[in-house]
PDB file of N, CA and C in Angstrom:
ATOM      1  N   MET A   1      37.342  23.003 -80.514  1.00  0.00           N
ATOM      2  CA  MET A   1      37.749  23.494 -79.217  1.00  0.00           C
ATOM      3  C   MET A   1      38.659  22.491 -78.506  1.00  0.00           C
ATOM      4  N   SER A   2      38.409  21.210 -78.655  1.00  0.00           N
ATOM      5  CA  SER A   2      39.235  20.220 -77.961  1.00  0.00           C
ATOM      6  C   SER A   2      40.486  19.923 -78.779  1.00  0.00           C
ATOM      7  N   GLN A   3      41.511  19.554 -78.081  1.00  0.00           N
ATOM      8  CA  GLN A   3      42.769  19.239 -78.725  1.00  0.00           C
ATOM      9  C   GLN A   3      42.877  17.741 -78.977  1.00  0.00           C
ATOM     10  N   GLU A   4      43.852  17.371 -79.793  1.00  0.00           N
ATOM     11  CA  GLU A   4      44.048  15.960 -80.118  1.00  0.00           C
ATOM     12  C   GLU A   4      44.719  15.243 -78.949  1.00  0.00           C
ATOM     13  N   ARG A   5      44.252  14.038 -78.676  1.00  0.00           N
ATOM     14  CA  ARG A   5      44.799  13.266 -77.560  1.00  0.00           C
ATOM     15  C   ARG A   5      46.237  12.849 -77.848  1.00  0.00           C
ATOM     16  N   PRO A   6      47.152  13.092 -76.905  1.00  0.00           N
ATOM     17  CA  PRO A   6      48.545  12.664 -77.100  1.00  0.00           C
ATOM     18  C   PRO A   6      48.655  11.143 -77.146  1.00  0.00           C
ATOM     19  N   GLU A   7      49.558  10.671 -77.961  1.00  0.00           N
ATOM     20  CA  GLU A   7      49.815   9.235 -78.054  1.00  0.00           C
ATOM     21  C   GLU A   7      51.057   8.895 -77.238  1.00  0.00           C
ATOM     22  N   PRO A   8      51.063   7.720 -76.606  1.00  0.00           N
ATOM     23  CA  PRO A   8      52.275   7.326 -75.876  1.00  0.00           C
ATOM     24  C   PRO A   8      53.455   7.183 -76.836  1.00  0.00           C
ATOM     25  N   PRO A   9      54.674   7.411 -76.340  1.00  0.00           N
ATOM     26  CA  PRO A   9      55.829   7.353 -77.227  1.00  0.00           C
ATOM     27  C   PRO A   9      56.161   5.957 -77.741  1.00  0.00           C
ATOM     28  N   SER A  10      55.566   4.928 -77.162  1.00  0.00           N
ATOM     29  CA  SER A  10      55.855   3.566 -77.607  1.00  0.00           C
ATOM     30  C   SER A  10      54.628   2.690 -77.413  1.00  0.00           C
ATOM     31  N   ARG A  11      54.397   1.816 -78.355  1.00  0.00           N
ATOM     32  CA  ARG A  11      53.345   0.800 -78.221  1.00  0.00           C
ATOM     33  C   ARG A  11      54.029  -0.482 -77.769  1.00  0.00           C
ATOM     34  N   THR A  12      53.534  -1.063 -76.708  1.00  0.00           N
ATOM     35  CA  THR A  12      54.138  -2.298 -76.207  1.00  0.00           C
ATOM     36  C   THR A  12      53.074  -3.380 -76.131  1.00  0.00           C
ATOM     37  N   ASP A  13      53.525  -4.617 -76.244  1.00  0.00           N
ATOM     38  CA  ASP A  13      52.605  -5.751 -76.219  1.00  0.00           C
ATOM     39  C   ASP A  13      52.449  -6.367 -74.839  1.00  0.00           C
ATOM     40  N   SER A  14      53.348  -6.036 -73.932  1.00  0.00           N
ATOM     41  CA  SER A  14      53.276  -6.657 -72.608  1.00  0.00           C
ATOM     42  C   SER A  14      53.708  -5.653 -71.541  1.00  0.00           C
ATOM     43  N   PRO A  15      53.306  -5.898 -70.313  1.00  0.00           N
ATOM     44  CA  PRO A  15      53.755  -5.021 -69.223  1.00  0.00           C
ATOM     45  C   PRO A  15      55.283  -4.988 -69.095  1.00  0.00           C
ATOM     46  N   GLU A  16      55.920  -6.116 -69.357  1.00  0.00           N
ATOM     47  CA  GLU A  16      57.376  -6.181 -69.257  1.00  0.00           C
ATOM     48  C   GLU A  16      58.035  -5.265 -70.285  1.00  0.00           C
ATOM     49  N   GLU A  17      57.493  -5.259 -71.514  1.00  0.00           N
ATOM     50  CA  GLU A  17      58.037  -4.383 -72.552  1.00  0.00           C
ATOM     51  C   GLU A  17      57.833  -2.916 -72.177  1.00  0.00           C
ATOM     52  N   LEU A  18      56.687  -2.613 -71.602  1.00  0.00           N
ATOM     53  CA  LEU A  18      56.415  -1.243 -71.174  1.00  0.00           C
ATOM     54  C   LEU A  18      57.404  -0.816 -70.091  1.00  0.00           C
ATOM     55  N   VAL A  19      57.614  -1.670 -69.110  1.00  0.00           N
ATOM     56  CA  VAL A  19      58.567  -1.361 -68.034  1.00  0.00           C
ATOM     57  C   VAL A  19      59.960  -1.134 -68.615  1.00  0.00           C
ATOM     58  N   ALA A  20      60.369  -1.989 -69.531  1.00  0.00           N
ATOM     59  CA  ALA A  20      61.694  -1.848 -70.138  1.00  0.00           C
ATOM     60  C   ALA A  20      61.800  -0.533 -70.902  1.00  0.00           C
ATOM     61  N   TYR A  21      60.769  -0.188 -71.656  1.00  0.00           N
ATOM     62  CA  TYR A  21      60.815   1.053 -72.431  1.00  0.00           C
ATOM     63  C   TYR A  21      60.861   2.268 -71.515  1.00  0.00           C
ATOM     64  N   VAL A  22      59.993   2.289 -70.498  1.00  0.00           N
ATOM     65  CA  VAL A  22      59.952   3.429 -69.573  1.00  0.00           C
ATOM     66  C   VAL A  22      61.275   3.550 -68.824  1.00  0.00           C
ATOM     67  N   THR A  23      61.844   2.422 -68.427  1.00  0.00           N
ATOM     68  CA  THR A  23      63.126   2.434 -67.721  1.00  0.00           C
ATOM     69  C   THR A  23      64.227   3.033 -68.591  1.00  0.00           C
ATOM     70  N   ASN A  24      64.218   2.697 -69.871  1.00  0.00           N
ATOM     71  CA  ASN A  24      65.259   3.171 -70.782  1.00  0.00           C
ATOM     72  C   ASN A  24      64.982   4.548 -71.371  1.00  0.00           C
ATOM     73  N   ASN A  25      63.738   5.022 -71.294  1.00  0.00           N
ATOM     74  CA  ASN A  25      63.358   6.304 -71.898  1.00  0.00           C
ATOM     75  C   ASN A  25      62.481   7.125 -70.947  1.00  0.00           C
ATOM     76  N   PRO A  26      62.960   7.400 -69.750  1.00  0.00           N
ATOM     77  CA  PRO A  26      62.089   8.078 -68.777  1.00  0.00           C
ATOM     78  C   PRO A  26      61.654   9.473 -69.213  1.00  0.00           C
ATOM     79  N   SER A  27      62.514  10.206 -69.901  1.00  0.00           N
ATOM     80  CA  SER A  27      62.135  11.570 -70.288  1.00  0.00           C
ATOM     81  C   SER A  27      60.998  11.562 -71.308  1.00  0.00           C
ATOM     82  N   ASP A  28      60.988  10.577 -72.219  1.00  0.00           N
ATOM     83  CA  ASP A  28      59.878  10.462 -73.175  1.00  0.00           C
ATOM     84  C   ASP A  28      58.563  10.255 -72.441  1.00  0.00           C
ATOM     85  N   TRP A  29      58.600   9.392 -71.431  1.00  0.00           N
ATOM     86  CA  TRP A  29      57.368   9.091 -70.701  1.00  0.00           C
ATOM     87  C   TRP A  29      56.937  10.229 -69.804  1.00  0.00           C
ATOM     88  N   LEU A  30      57.884  10.939 -69.201  1.00  0.00           N
ATOM     89  CA  LEU A  30      57.508  12.101 -68.392  1.00  0.00           C
ATOM     90  C   LEU A  30      56.870  13.180 -69.263  1.00  0.00           C
ATOM     91  N   LEU A  31      57.415  13.379 -70.449  1.00  0.00           N
ATOM     92  CA  LEU A  31      56.828  14.347 -71.376  1.00  0.00           C
ATOM     93  C   LEU A  31      55.420  13.912 -71.788  1.00  0.00           C
ATOM     94  N   TYR A  32      55.250  12.632 -72.091  1.00  0.00           N
ATOM     95  CA  TYR A  32      53.923  12.109 -72.434  1.00  0.00           C
ATOM     96  C   TYR A  32      52.948  12.314 -71.277  1.00  0.00           C
ATOM     97  N   LEU A  33      53.370  11.993 -70.058  1.00  0.00           N
ATOM     98  CA  LEU A  33      52.487  12.156 -68.898  1.00  0.00           C
ATOM     99  C   LEU A  33      52.106  13.620 -68.706  1.00  0.00           C
ATOM    100  N   ARG A  34      53.049  14.526 -68.930  1.00  0.00           N
ATOM    101  CA  ARG A  34      52.748  15.953 -68.837  1.00  0.00           C
ATOM    102  C   ARG A  34      51.704  16.339 -69.889  1.00  0.00           C
ATOM    103  N   HIS A  35      51.877  15.850 -71.106  1.00  0.00           N
ATOM    104  CA  HIS A  35      50.930  16.176 -72.178  1.00  0.00           C
ATOM    105  C   HIS A  35      49.556  15.562 -71.932  1.00  0.00           C
ATOM    106  N   ILE A  36      49.496  14.317 -71.481  1.00  0.00           N
ATOM    107  CA  ILE A  36      48.199  13.671 -71.250  1.00  0.00           C
ATOM    108  C   ILE A  36      47.489  14.334 -70.074  1.00  0.00           C
ATOM    109  N   ASN A  37      48.245  14.796 -69.085  1.00  0.00           N
ATOM    110  CA  ASN A  37      47.652  15.518 -67.967  1.00  0.00           C
ATOM    111  C   ASN A  37      47.060  16.851 -68.445  1.00  0.00           C
ATOM    112  N   GLY A  38      47.777  17.554 -69.306  1.00  0.00           N
ATOM    113  CA  GLY A  38      47.260  18.800 -69.879  1.00  0.00           C
ATOM    114  C   GLY A  38      46.026  18.551 -70.724  1.00  0.00           C
ATOM    115  N   TYR A  39      46.046  17.463 -71.468  1.00  0.00           N
ATOM    116  CA  TYR A  39      44.895  17.090 -72.294  1.00  0.00           C
ATOM    117  C   TYR A  39      43.674  16.824 -71.421  1.00  0.00           C
ATOM    118  N   ALA A  40      43.858  16.071 -70.335  1.00  0.00           N
ATOM    119  CA  ALA A  40      42.745  15.767 -69.429  1.00  0.00           C
ATOM    120  C   ALA A  40      42.213  17.039 -68.775  1.00  0.00           C
ATOM    121  N   ALA A  41      43.099  17.935 -68.386  1.00  0.00           N
ATOM    122  CA  ALA A  41      42.666  19.196 -67.773  1.00  0.00           C
ATOM    123  C   ALA A  41      41.872  20.035 -68.773  1.00  0.00           C
ATOM    124  N   ALA A  42      42.308  20.055 -70.028  1.00  0.00           N
ATOM    125  CA  ALA A  42      41.591  20.816 -71.056  1.00  0.00           C
ATOM    126  C   ALA A  42      40.208  20.224 -71.305  1.00  0.00           C
ATOM    127  N   LEU A  43      40.107  18.894 -71.322  1.00  0.00           N
ATOM    128  CA  LEU A  43      38.798  18.258 -71.502  1.00  0.00           C
ATOM    129  C   LEU A  43      37.867  18.581 -70.346  1.00  0.00           C
ATOM    130  N   LYS A  44      38.392  18.557 -69.128  1.00  0.00           N
ATOM    131  CA  LYS A  44      37.574  18.879 -67.960  1.00  0.00           C
ATOM    132  C   LYS A  44      37.080  20.316 -68.048  1.00  0.00           C
ATOM    133  N   GLU A  45      37.972  21.225 -68.418  1.00  0.00           N
ATOM    134  CA  GLU A  45      37.590  22.634 -68.544  1.00  0.00           C
ATOM    135  C   GLU A  45      36.514  22.807 -69.617  1.00  0.00           C
ATOM    136  N   GLU A  46      36.684  22.122 -70.737  1.00  0.00           N
ATOM    137  CA  GLU A  46      35.703  22.196 -71.818  1.00  0.00           C
ATOM    138  C   GLU A  46      34.352  21.638 -71.368  1.00  0.00           C
ATOM    139  N   ASN A  47      34.372  20.502 -70.679  1.00  0.00           N
ATOM    140  CA  ASN A  47      33.126  19.905 -70.188  1.00  0.00           C
ATOM    141  C   ASN A  47      32.447  20.810 -69.173  1.00  0.00           C
ATOM    142  N   ASP A  48      33.234  21.407 -68.267  1.00  0.00           N
ATOM    143  CA  ASP A  48      32.669  22.330 -67.284  1.00  0.00           C
ATOM    144  C   ASP A  48      32.019  23.522 -67.976  1.00  0.00           C
ATOM    145  N   PHE A  49      32.662  24.044 -69.023  1.00  0.00           N
ATOM    146  CA  PHE A  49      32.120  25.171 -69.776  1.00  0.00           C
ATOM    147  C   PHE A  49      30.767  24.807 -70.390  1.00  0.00           C
ATOM    148  N   PHE A  50      30.697  23.637 -71.030  1.00  0.00           N
ATOM    149  CA  PHE A  50      29.446  23.242 -71.674  1.00  0.00           C
ATOM    150  C   PHE A  50      28.351  22.932 -70.654  1.00  0.00           C
ATOM    151  N   ARG A  51      28.714  22.362 -69.517  1.00  0.00           N
ATOM    152  CA  ARG A  51      27.715  22.127 -68.462  1.00  0.00           C
ATOM    153  C   ARG A  51      27.146  23.443 -67.949  1.00  0.00           C
ATOM    154  N   LEU A  52      28.014  24.426 -67.749  1.00  0.00           N
ATOM    155  CA  LEU A  52      27.571  25.734 -67.280  1.00  0.00           C
ATOM    156  C   LEU A  52      26.674  26.395 -68.323  1.00  0.00           C
ATOM    157  N   ALA A  53      27.060  26.323 -69.580  1.00  0.00           N
ATOM    158  CA  ALA A  53      26.249  26.908 -70.647  1.00  0.00           C
ATOM    159  C   ALA A  53      24.894  26.218 -70.725  1.00  0.00           C
ATOM    160  N   GLU A  54      24.873  24.903 -70.591  1.00  0.00           N
ATOM    161  CA  GLU A  54      23.615  24.156 -70.627  1.00  0.00           C
ATOM    162  C   GLU A  54      22.742  24.532 -69.433  1.00  0.00           C
ATOM    163  N   SER A  55      23.348  24.666 -68.267  1.00  0.00           N
ATOM    164  CA  SER A  55      22.611  25.047 -67.068  1.00  0.00           C
ATOM    165  C   SER A  55      22.023  26.449 -67.214  1.00  0.00           C
ATOM    166  N   ASP A  56      22.807  27.386 -67.739  1.00  0.00           N
ATOM    167  CA  ASP A  56      22.311  28.749 -67.967  1.00  0.00           C
ATOM    168  C   ASP A  56      21.158  28.742 -68.955  1.00  0.00           C
ATOM    169  N   HIS A  57      21.277  27.928 -69.990  1.00  0.00           N
ATOM    170  CA  HIS A  57      20.220  27.827 -70.998  1.00  0.00           C
ATOM    171  C   HIS A  57      18.946  27.261 -70.371  1.00  0.00           C
ATOM    172  N   ASP A  58      19.080  26.200 -69.581  1.00  0.00           N
ATOM    173  CA  ASP A  58      17.917  25.605 -68.911  1.00  0.00           C
ATOM    174  C   ASP A  58      17.258  26.598 -67.967  1.00  0.00           C
ATOM    175  N   ASN A  59      18.066  27.362 -67.235  1.00  0.00           N
ATOM    176  CA  ASN A  59      17.519  28.357 -66.311  1.00  0.00           C
ATOM    177  C   ASN A  59      16.777  29.458 -67.050  1.00  0.00           C
ATOM    178  N   SER A  60      17.286  29.871 -68.203  1.00  0.00           N
ATOM    179  CA  SER A  60      16.607  30.926 -68.957  1.00  0.00           C
ATOM    180  C   SER A  60      15.292  30.415 -69.540  1.00  0.00           C
ATOM    181  N   LEU A  61      15.232  29.132 -69.893  1.00  0.00           N
ATOM    182  CA  LEU A  61      13.978  28.567 -70.398  1.00  0.00           C
ATOM    183  C   LEU A  61      12.937  28.475 -69.290  1.00  0.00           C
ATOM    184  N   GLN A  62      13.371  28.172 -68.071  1.00  0.00           N
ATOM    185  CA  GLN A  62      12.441  28.058 -66.950  1.00  0.00           C
ATOM    186  C   GLN A  62      11.850  29.409 -66.572  1.00  0.00           C
ATOM    187  N   SER A  63      12.568  30.485 -66.840  1.00  0.00           N
ATOM    188  CA  SER A  63      12.064  31.802 -66.467  1.00  0.00           C
ATOM    189  C   SER A  63      11.065  32.348 -67.481  1.00  0.00           C
ATOM    190  N   LEU A  64      10.869  31.652 -68.585  1.00  0.00           N
ATOM    191  CA  LEU A  64       9.905  32.123 -69.604  1.00  0.00           C
ATOM    192  C   LEU A  64       8.487  31.883 -69.195  1.00  0.00           C
TER     193      LEU A  64
END
């Protein structure tokens, strides 16, 4: 049900390298941020679904 976590477009060893890469490749990073945001939203939705299912299951057991 869960999707694979997006990887950043570049691995950097220092904050300076990251700043340089993002400065030179802003569209790559905006696309990554869009994908990681979608990934986080999907995980939240999945977690909410399972919490609701668990709560419904617990409630049905209590009514027995």
